[in-house]
Amino acid sequence: MPRQTISVISPAHPARLTNGKLTRATESVYAQTLQPDGHIVAIDVDREGAAATRQRALALASTYWVSFLDSDDILKPRHIRPVFRQYAPA
């Protein structure tokens, strides 16, 4: 079975760049026991809201799986882990 890739997407409000919360969130991504293939951070400079910012970032992802992480949250160290089951479309 080919390796299934994963990206982490973090929409962020501009204030998160200076208050340390985005840094803390990013550190939790790179502290994963299984490293993601990428971390996409989308800054909401146009004040579109988290949903629109998340969608813009999702359009950039090219991995099989995506995990969302808000910029004021953290991932537990084993959040990203291998998927051993294949899911068949219904």
PDB file of N, CA and C in Angstrom:
ATOM      1  N   MET A   1       0.850  -1.173   0.000  1.00  0.00           N
ATOM      2  CA  MET A   1       0.000   0.000   0.000  1.00  0.00           C
ATOM      3  C   MET A   1       0.900   1.242   0.000  1.00  0.00           C
ATOM      4  N   PRO A   2       0.634   2.208  -0.895  1.00  0.00           N
ATOM      5  CA  PRO A   2       1.455   3.418  -0.915  1.00  0.00           C
ATOM      6  C   PRO A   2       1.260   4.243   0.353  1.00  0.00           C
ATOM      7  N   ARG A   3       2.282   4.972   0.698  1.00  0.00           N
ATOM      8  CA  ARG A   3       2.215   5.822   1.888  1.00  0.00           C
ATOM      9  C   ARG A   3       1.163   6.909   1.696  1.00  0.00           C
ATOM     10  N   GLN A   4       0.321   7.082   2.698  1.00  0.00           N
ATOM     11  CA  GLN A   4      -0.714   8.106   2.642  1.00  0.00           C
ATOM     12  C   GLN A   4      -0.175   9.379   3.283  1.00  0.00           C
ATOM     13  N   THR A   5      -0.171  10.453   2.542  1.00  0.00           N
ATOM     14  CA  THR A   5       0.412  11.708   2.989  1.00  0.00           C
ATOM     15  C   THR A   5      -0.615  12.550   3.744  1.00  0.00           C
ATOM     16  N   ILE A   6      -0.109  13.462   4.570  1.00  0.00           N
ATOM     17  CA  ILE A   6      -1.000  14.323   5.355  1.00  0.00           C
ATOM     18  C   ILE A   6      -0.403  15.720   5.507  1.00  0.00           C
ATOM     19  N   SER A   7      -1.276  16.695   5.424  1.00  0.00           N
ATOM     20  CA  SER A   7      -0.907  18.096   5.689  1.00  0.00           C
ATOM     21  C   SER A   7      -1.720  18.589   6.874  1.00  0.00           C
ATOM     22  N   VAL A   8      -1.167  19.531   7.595  1.00  0.00           N
ATOM     23  CA  VAL A   8      -1.898  20.222   8.655  1.00  0.00           C
ATOM     24  C   VAL A   8      -2.187  21.630   8.142  1.00  0.00           C
ATOM     25  N   ILE A   9      -3.434  22.055   8.279  1.00  0.00           N
ATOM     26  CA  ILE A   9      -3.844  23.383   7.837  1.00  0.00           C
ATOM     27  C   ILE A   9      -4.234  24.215   9.052  1.00  0.00           C
ATOM     28  N   SER A  10      -3.649  25.414   9.141  1.00  0.00           N
ATOM     29  CA  SER A  10      -3.936  26.335  10.241  1.00  0.00           C
ATOM     30  C   SER A  10      -4.364  27.689   9.701  1.00  0.00           C
ATOM     31  N   PRO A  11      -5.662  28.022   9.792  1.00  0.00           N
ATOM     32  CA  PRO A  11      -6.071  29.386   9.482  1.00  0.00           C
ATOM     33  C   PRO A  11      -5.696  30.263  10.675  1.00  0.00           C
ATOM     34  N   ALA A  12      -5.240  31.475  10.408  1.00  0.00           N
ATOM     35  CA  ALA A  12      -4.789  32.313  11.516  1.00  0.00           C
ATOM     36  C   ALA A  12      -5.193  33.774  11.321  1.00  0.00           C
ATOM     37  N   HIS A  13      -5.611  34.381  12.401  1.00  0.00           N
ATOM     38  CA  HIS A  13      -5.891  35.809  12.450  1.00  0.00           C
ATOM     39  C   HIS A  13      -4.540  36.518  12.558  1.00  0.00           C
ATOM     40  N   PRO A  14      -4.360  37.697  11.954  1.00  0.00           N
ATOM     41  CA  PRO A  14      -3.060  38.375  12.006  1.00  0.00           C
ATOM     42  C   PRO A  14      -2.498  38.573  13.420  1.00  0.00           C
ATOM     43  N   ALA A  15      -3.359  38.737  14.413  1.00  0.00           N
ATOM     44  CA  ALA A  15      -2.872  38.929  15.783  1.00  0.00           C
ATOM     45  C   ALA A  15      -2.110  37.713  16.292  1.00  0.00           C
ATOM     46  N   ARG A  16      -2.393  36.541  15.734  1.00  0.00           N
ATOM     47  CA  ARG A  16      -1.706  35.320  16.173  1.00  0.00           C
ATOM     48  C   ARG A  16      -0.223  35.334  15.811  1.00  0.00           C
ATOM     49  N   LEU A  17       0.164  36.198  14.901  1.00  0.00           N
ATOM     50  CA  LEU A  17       1.576  36.287  14.516  1.00  0.00           C
ATOM     51  C   LEU A  17       2.423  36.905  15.619  1.00  0.00           C
ATOM     52  N   THR A  18       1.814  37.712  16.459  1.00  0.00           N
ATOM     53  CA  THR A  18       2.587  38.418  17.488  1.00  0.00           C
ATOM     54  C   THR A  18       2.294  37.966  18.917  1.00  0.00           C
ATOM     55  N   ASN A  19       1.196  37.267  19.141  1.00  0.00           N
ATOM     56  CA  ASN A  19       0.870  36.907  20.521  1.00  0.00           C
ATOM     57  C   ASN A  19       1.401  35.539  20.952  1.00  0.00           C
ATOM     58  N   GLY A  20       2.118  34.845  20.065  1.00  0.00           N
ATOM     59  CA  GLY A  20       2.747  33.578  20.431  1.00  0.00           C
ATOM     60  C   GLY A  20       1.889  32.338  20.243  1.00  0.00           C
ATOM     61  N   LYS A  21       0.600  32.506  20.001  1.00  0.00           N
ATOM     62  CA  LYS A  21      -0.270  31.326  19.885  1.00  0.00           C
ATOM     63  C   LYS A  21       0.000  30.528  18.613  1.00  0.00           C
ATOM     64  N   LEU A  22       0.240  31.206  17.496  1.00  0.00           N
ATOM     65  CA  LEU A  22       0.562  30.489  16.263  1.00  0.00           C
ATOM     66  C   LEU A  22       1.885  29.747  16.401  1.00  0.00           C
ATOM     67  N   THR A  23       2.836  30.350  17.076  1.00  0.00           N
ATOM     68  CA  THR A  23       4.124  29.681  17.317  1.00  0.00           C
ATOM     69  C   THR A  23       3.919  28.414  18.119  1.00  0.00           C
ATOM     70  N   ARG A  24       3.098  28.493  19.157  1.00  0.00           N
ATOM     71  CA  ARG A  24       2.813  27.321  19.989  1.00  0.00           C
ATOM     72  C   ARG A  24       2.115  26.230  19.178  1.00  0.00           C
ATOM     73  N   ALA A  25       1.157  26.619  18.329  1.00  0.00           N
ATOM     74  CA  ALA A  25       0.447  25.656  17.486  1.00  0.00           C
ATOM     75  C   ALA A  25       1.422  24.979  16.515  1.00  0.00           C
ATOM     76  N   THR A  26       2.290  25.781  15.888  1.00  0.00           N
ATOM     77  CA  THR A  26       3.258  25.248  14.934  1.00  0.00           C
ATOM     78  C   THR A  26       4.233  24.298  15.618  1.00  0.00           C
ATOM     79  N   GLU A  27       4.678  24.631  16.809  1.00  0.00           N
ATOM     80  CA  GLU A  27       5.573  23.738  17.555  1.00  0.00           C
ATOM     81  C   GLU A  27       4.911  22.397  17.819  1.00  0.00           C
ATOM     82  N   SER A  28       3.594  22.400  18.072  1.00  0.00           N
ATOM     83  CA  SER A  28       2.898  21.130  18.320  1.00  0.00           C
ATOM     84  C   SER A  28       2.799  20.288  17.051  1.00  0.00           C
ATOM     85  N   VAL A  29       2.775  20.938  15.888  1.00  0.00           N
ATOM     86  CA  VAL A  29       2.765  20.197  14.615  1.00  0.00           C
ATOM     87  C   VAL A  29       4.100  19.476  14.439  1.00  0.00           C
ATOM     88  N   TYR A  30       5.195  20.181  14.697  1.00  0.00           N
ATOM     89  CA  TYR A  30       6.508  19.584  14.486  1.00  0.00           C
ATOM     90  C   TYR A  30       6.967  18.700  15.650  1.00  0.00           C
ATOM     91  N   ALA A  31       6.158  18.600  16.683  1.00  0.00           N
ATOM     92  CA  ALA A  31       6.440  17.675  17.787  1.00  0.00           C
ATOM     93  C   ALA A  31       5.707  16.341  17.603  1.00  0.00           C
ATOM     94  N   GLN A  32       5.071  16.157  16.466  1.00  0.00           N
ATOM     95  CA  GLN A  32       4.336  14.925  16.208  1.00  0.00           C
ATOM     96  C   GLN A  32       5.288  13.735  16.103  1.00  0.00           C
ATOM     97  N   THR A  33       4.847  12.580  16.601  1.00  0.00           N
ATOM     98  CA  THR A  33       5.659  11.375  16.480  1.00  0.00           C
ATOM     99  C   THR A  33       5.732  10.915  15.027  1.00  0.00           C
ATOM    100  N   LEU A  34       4.702  11.193  14.239  1.00  0.00           N
ATOM    101  CA  LEU A  34       4.702  10.955  12.805  1.00  0.00           C
ATOM    102  C   LEU A  34       4.602  12.324  12.142  1.00  0.00           C
ATOM    103  N   GLN A  35       5.659  12.742  11.483  1.00  0.00           N
ATOM    104  CA  GLN A  35       5.709  14.085  10.912  1.00  0.00           C
ATOM    105  C   GLN A  35       4.768  14.238   9.724  1.00  0.00           C
ATOM    106  N   PRO A  36       4.030  15.360   9.662  1.00  0.00           N
ATOM    107  CA  PRO A  36       3.192  15.616   8.492  1.00  0.00           C
ATOM    108  C   PRO A  36       4.076  15.965   7.288  1.00  0.00           C
ATOM    109  N   ASP A  37       3.495  15.874   6.112  1.00  0.00           N
ATOM    110  CA  ASP A  37       4.219  16.211   4.894  1.00  0.00           C
ATOM    111  C   ASP A  37       4.256  17.716   4.664  1.00  0.00           C
ATOM    112  N   GLY A  38       3.416  18.440   5.370  1.00  0.00           N
ATOM    113  CA  GLY A  38       3.422  19.879   5.247  1.00  0.00           C
ATOM    114  C   GLY A  38       2.535  20.538   6.281  1.00  0.00           C
ATOM    115  N   HIS A  39       2.808  21.809   6.554  1.00  0.00           N
ATOM    116  CA  HIS A  39       1.971  22.614   7.445  1.00  0.00           C
ATOM    117  C   HIS A  39       1.649  23.893   6.691  1.00  0.00           C
ATOM    118  N   ILE A  40       0.393  24.050   6.328  1.00  0.00           N
ATOM    119  CA  ILE A  40      -0.045  25.220   5.567  1.00  0.00           C
ATOM    120  C   ILE A  40      -0.681  26.204   6.538  1.00  0.00           C
ATOM    121  N   VAL A  41      -0.098  27.378   6.641  1.00  0.00           N
ATOM    122  CA  VAL A  41      -0.638  28.434   7.501  1.00  0.00           C
ATOM    123  C   VAL A  41      -1.195  29.519   6.591  1.00  0.00           C
ATOM    124  N   ALA A  42      -2.480  29.802   6.742  1.00  0.00           N
ATOM    125  CA  ALA A  42      -3.130  30.838   5.947  1.00  0.00           C
ATOM    126  C   ALA A  42      -3.526  31.980   6.874  1.00  0.00           C
ATOM    127  N   ILE A  43      -2.981  33.152   6.624  1.00  0.00           N
ATOM    128  CA  ILE A  43      -3.264  34.321   7.452  1.00  0.00           C
ATOM    129  C   ILE A  43      -4.462  35.067   6.863  1.00  0.00           C
ATOM    130  N   ASP A  44      -5.415  35.379   7.716  1.00  0.00           N
ATOM    131  CA  ASP A  44      -6.648  36.055   7.304  1.00  0.00           C
ATOM    132  C   ASP A  44      -6.438  37.566   7.263  1.00  0.00           C
ATOM    133  N   VAL A  45      -5.624  38.030   6.314  1.00  0.00           N
ATOM    134  CA  VAL A  45      -5.316  39.461   6.232  1.00  0.00           C
ATOM    135  C   VAL A  45      -6.498  40.288   5.729  1.00  0.00           C
ATOM    136  N   ASP A  46      -7.400  39.673   4.980  1.00  0.00           N
ATOM    137  CA  ASP A  46      -8.565  40.397   4.449  1.00  0.00           C
ATOM    138  C   ASP A  46      -9.793  40.293   5.349  1.00  0.00           C
ATOM    139  N   ARG A  47      -9.619  39.702   6.516  1.00  0.00           N
ATOM    140  CA  ARG A  47     -10.709  39.520   7.482  1.00  0.00           C
ATOM    141  C   ARG A  47     -11.928  38.831   6.853  1.00  0.00           C
ATOM    142  N   GLU A  48     -11.647  37.725   6.163  1.00  0.00           N
ATOM    143  CA  GLU A  48     -12.703  36.928   5.531  1.00  0.00           C
ATOM    144  C   GLU A  48     -13.352  35.959   6.509  1.00  0.00           C
ATOM    145  N   GLY A  49     -12.673  35.671   7.594  1.00  0.00           N
ATOM    146  CA  GLY A  49     -13.165  34.702   8.562  1.00  0.00           C
ATOM    147  C   GLY A  49     -12.432  33.378   8.438  1.00  0.00           C
ATOM    148  N   ALA A  50     -12.542  32.571   9.481  1.00  0.00           N
ATOM    149  CA  ALA A  50     -11.798  31.302   9.539  1.00  0.00           C
ATOM    150  C   ALA A  50     -12.213  30.339   8.435  1.00  0.00           C
ATOM    151  N   ALA A  51     -13.508  30.262   8.133  1.00  0.00           N
ATOM    152  CA  ALA A  51     -13.970  29.299   7.125  1.00  0.00           C
ATOM    153  C   ALA A  51     -13.387  29.608   5.748  1.00  0.00           C
ATOM    154  N   ALA A  52     -13.424  30.864   5.333  1.00  0.00           N
ATOM    155  CA  ALA A  52     -12.882  31.239   4.024  1.00  0.00           C
ATOM    156  C   ALA A  52     -11.370  31.062   3.989  1.00  0.00           C
ATOM    157  N   THR A  53     -10.708  31.385   5.084  1.00  0.00           N
ATOM    158  CA  THR A  53      -9.253  31.232   5.159  1.00  0.00           C
ATOM    159  C   THR A  53      -8.875  29.763   5.124  1.00  0.00           C
ATOM    160  N   ARG A  54      -9.628  28.939   5.826  1.00  0.00           N
ATOM    161  CA  ARG A  54      -9.400  27.491   5.827  1.00  0.00           C
ATOM    162  C   ARG A  54      -9.585  26.930   4.413  1.00  0.00           C
ATOM    163  N   GLN A  55     -10.620  27.375   3.718  1.00  0.00           N
ATOM    164  CA  GLN A  55     -10.886  26.896   2.359  1.00  0.00           C
ATOM    165  C   GLN A  55      -9.763  27.301   1.393  1.00  0.00           C
ATOM    166  N   ARG A  56      -9.255  28.514   1.551  1.00  0.00           N
ATOM    167  CA  ARG A  56      -8.144  28.975   0.721  1.00  0.00           C
ATOM    168  C   ARG A  56      -6.915  28.099   0.932  1.00  0.00           C
ATOM    169  N   ALA A  57      -6.643  27.743   2.177  1.00  0.00           N
ATOM    170  CA  ALA A  57      -5.507  26.875   2.479  1.00  0.00           C
ATOM    171  C   ALA A  57      -5.736  25.460   1.958  1.00  0.00           C
ATOM    172  N   LEU A  58      -6.974  24.979   2.061  1.00  0.00           N
ATOM    173  CA  LEU A  58      -7.294  23.632   1.588  1.00  0.00           C
ATOM    174  C   LEU A  58      -7.032  23.504   0.092  1.00  0.00           C
ATOM    175  N   ALA A  59      -7.263  24.563  -0.647  1.00  0.00           N
ATOM    176  CA  ALA A  59      -7.009  24.548  -2.092  1.00  0.00           C
ATOM    177  C   ALA A  59      -5.522  24.347  -2.400  1.00  0.00           C
ATOM    178  N   LEU A  60      -4.650  24.655  -1.447  1.00  0.00           N
ATOM    179  CA  LEU A  60      -3.202  24.497  -1.644  1.00  0.00           C
ATOM    180  C   LEU A  60      -2.698  23.102  -1.280  1.00  0.00           C
ATOM    181  N   ALA A  61      -3.494  22.350  -0.533  1.00  0.00           N
ATOM    182  CA  ALA A  61      -3.058  21.029  -0.071  1.00  0.00           C
ATOM    183  C   ALA A  61      -3.095  20.021  -1.215  1.00  0.00           C
ATOM    184  N   SER A  62      -2.077  19.186  -1.282  1.00  0.00           N
ATOM    185  CA  SER A  62      -2.035  18.155  -2.322  1.00  0.00           C
ATOM    186  C   SER A  62      -1.825  16.769  -1.706  1.00  0.00           C
ATOM    187  N   THR A  63      -2.100  16.651  -0.421  1.00  0.00           N
ATOM    188  CA  THR A  63      -1.893  15.378   0.273  1.00  0.00           C
ATOM    189  C   THR A  63      -3.196  14.580   0.322  1.00  0.00           C
ATOM    190  N   TYR A  64      -3.062  13.301   0.650  1.00  0.00           N
ATOM    191  CA  TYR A  64      -4.208  12.393   0.726  1.00  0.00           C
ATOM    192  C   TYR A  64      -5.131  12.763   1.886  1.00  0.00           C
ATOM    193  N   TRP A  65      -4.541  13.135   3.024  1.00  0.00           N
ATOM    194  CA  TRP A  65      -5.282  13.514   4.223  1.00  0.00           C
ATOM    195  C   TRP A  65      -4.951  14.947   4.617  1.00  0.00           C
ATOM    196  N   VAL A  66      -5.898  15.568   5.312  1.00  0.00           N
ATOM    197  CA  VAL A  66      -5.698  16.916   5.841  1.00  0.00           C
ATOM    198  C   VAL A  66      -6.195  16.930   7.278  1.00  0.00           C
ATOM    199  N   SER A  67      -5.447  17.580   8.149  1.00  0.00           N
ATOM    200  CA  SER A  67      -5.861  17.793   9.530  1.00  0.00           C
ATOM    201  C   SER A  67      -5.913  19.299   9.760  1.00  0.00           C
ATOM    202  N   PHE A  68      -6.982  19.764  10.365  1.00  0.00           N
ATOM    203  CA  PHE A  68      -7.111  21.192  10.640  1.00  0.00           C
ATOM    204  C   PHE A  68      -6.685  21.477  12.075  1.00  0.00           C
ATOM    205  N   LEU A  69      -5.975  22.576  12.248  1.00  0.00           N
ATOM    206  CA  LEU A  69      -5.525  23.008  13.567  1.00  0.00           C
ATOM    207  C   LEU A  69      -5.708  24.509  13.653  1.00  0.00           C
ATOM    208  N   ASP A  70      -6.617  24.948  14.510  1.00  0.00           N
ATOM    209  CA  ASP A  70      -6.777  26.386  14.707  1.00  0.00           C
ATOM    210  C   ASP A  70      -5.506  26.944  15.333  1.00  0.00           C
ATOM    211  N   SER A  71      -5.221  28.184  15.020  1.00  0.00           N
ATOM    212  CA  SER A  71      -3.954  28.782  15.437  1.00  0.00           C
ATOM    213  C   SER A  71      -3.838  29.021  16.942  1.00  0.00           C
ATOM    214  N   ASP A  72      -4.932  28.857  17.683  1.00  0.00           N
ATOM    215  CA  ASP A  72      -4.861  29.010  19.139  1.00  0.00           C
ATOM    216  C   ASP A  72      -4.998  27.670  19.855  1.00  0.00           C
ATOM    217  N   ASP A  73      -4.845  26.567  19.118  1.00  0.00           N
ATOM    218  CA  ASP A  73      -4.897  25.225  19.686  1.00  0.00           C
ATOM    219  C   ASP A  73      -3.552  24.532  19.509  1.00  0.00           C
ATOM    220  N   ILE A  74      -3.435  23.341  20.089  1.00  0.00           N
ATOM    221  CA  ILE A  74      -2.240  22.515  19.884  1.00  0.00           C
ATOM    222  C   ILE A  74      -2.681  21.086  19.604  1.00  0.00           C
ATOM    223  N   LEU A  75      -1.808  20.336  18.940  1.00  0.00           N
ATOM    224  CA  LEU A  75      -2.045  18.917  18.695  1.00  0.00           C
ATOM    225  C   LEU A  75      -1.336  18.102  19.765  1.00  0.00           C
ATOM    226  N   LYS A  76      -1.984  17.050  20.229  1.00  0.00           N
ATOM    227  CA  LYS A  76      -1.293  16.111  21.109  1.00  0.00           C
ATOM    228  C   LYS A  76      -0.245  15.385  20.277  1.00  0.00           C
ATOM    229  N   PRO A  77       0.851  14.924  20.890  1.00  0.00           N
ATOM    230  CA  PRO A  77       1.975  14.360  20.135  1.00  0.00           C
ATOM    231  C   PRO A  77       1.638  13.203  19.191  1.00  0.00           C
ATOM    232  N   ARG A  78       0.595  12.443  19.452  1.00  0.00           N
ATOM    233  CA  ARG A  78       0.250  11.320  18.575  1.00  0.00           C
ATOM    234  C   ARG A  78      -1.034  11.581  17.792  1.00  0.00           C
ATOM    235  N   HIS A  79      -1.360  12.843  17.556  1.00  0.00           N
ATOM    236  CA  HIS A  79      -2.559  13.175  16.791  1.00  0.00           C
ATOM    237  C   HIS A  79      -2.476  12.613  15.373  1.00  0.00           C
ATOM    238  N   ILE A  80      -1.324  12.764  14.756  1.00  0.00           N
ATOM    239  CA  ILE A  80      -1.117  12.229  13.418  1.00  0.00           C
ATOM    240  C   ILE A  80      -0.535  10.832  13.556  1.00  0.00           C
ATOM    241  N   ARG A  81      -1.249   9.859  13.020  1.00  0.00           N
ATOM    242  CA  ARG A  81      -0.785   8.477  13.113  1.00  0.00           C
ATOM    243  C   ARG A  81      -1.205   7.728  11.852  1.00  0.00           C
ATOM    244  N   PRO A  82      -0.569   6.614  11.588  1.00  0.00           N
ATOM    245  CA  PRO A  82      -0.874   5.866  10.366  1.00  0.00           C
ATOM    246  C   PRO A  82      -2.328   5.390  10.330  1.00  0.00           C
ATOM    247  N   VAL A  83      -2.872   5.356   9.147  1.00  0.00           N
ATOM    248  CA  VAL A  83      -4.206   4.798   8.936  1.00  0.00           C
ATOM    249  C   VAL A  83      -3.996   3.423   8.327  1.00  0.00           C
ATOM    250  N   PHE A  84      -4.489   2.399   8.996  1.00  0.00           N
ATOM    251  CA  PHE A  84      -4.239   1.036   8.554  1.00  0.00           C
ATOM    252  C   PHE A  84      -5.395   0.453   7.743  1.00  0.00           C
ATOM    253  N   ARG A  85      -6.517   1.111   7.763  1.00  0.00           N
ATOM    254  CA  ARG A  85      -7.681   0.615   7.056  1.00  0.00           C
ATOM    255  C   ARG A  85      -7.946   1.476   5.835  1.00  0.00           C
ATOM    256  N   GLN A  86      -8.305   0.860   4.762  1.00  0.00           N
ATOM    257  CA  GLN A  86      -8.723   1.609   3.583  1.00  0.00           C
ATOM    258  C   GLN A  86     -10.241   1.754   3.650  1.00  0.00           C
ATOM    259  N   TYR A  87     -10.716   2.922   3.385  1.00  0.00           N
ATOM    260  CA  TYR A  87     -12.145   3.164   3.372  1.00  0.00           C
ATOM    261  C   TYR A  87     -12.638   3.171   1.946  1.00  0.00           C
ATOM    262  N   ALA A  88     -13.608   2.326   1.663  1.00  0.00           N
ATOM    263  CA  ALA A  88     -14.168   2.239   0.313  1.00  0.00           C
ATOM    264  C   ALA A  88     -15.353   3.176   0.198  1.00  0.00           C
ATOM    265  N   PRO A  89     -15.483   3.849  -0.936  1.00  0.00           N
ATOM    266  CA  PRO A  89     -16.650   4.732  -1.116  1.00  0.00           C
ATOM    267  C   PRO A  89     -17.942   3.916  -1.087  1.00  0.00           C
ATOM    268  N   ALA A  90     -18.967   4.532  -0.555  1.00  0.00           N
ATOM    269  CA  ALA A  90     -20.260   3.834  -0.454  1.00  0.00           C
ATOM    270  C   ALA A  90     -20.940   3.755  -1.794  1.00  0.00           C
TER     271      ALA A  90
END
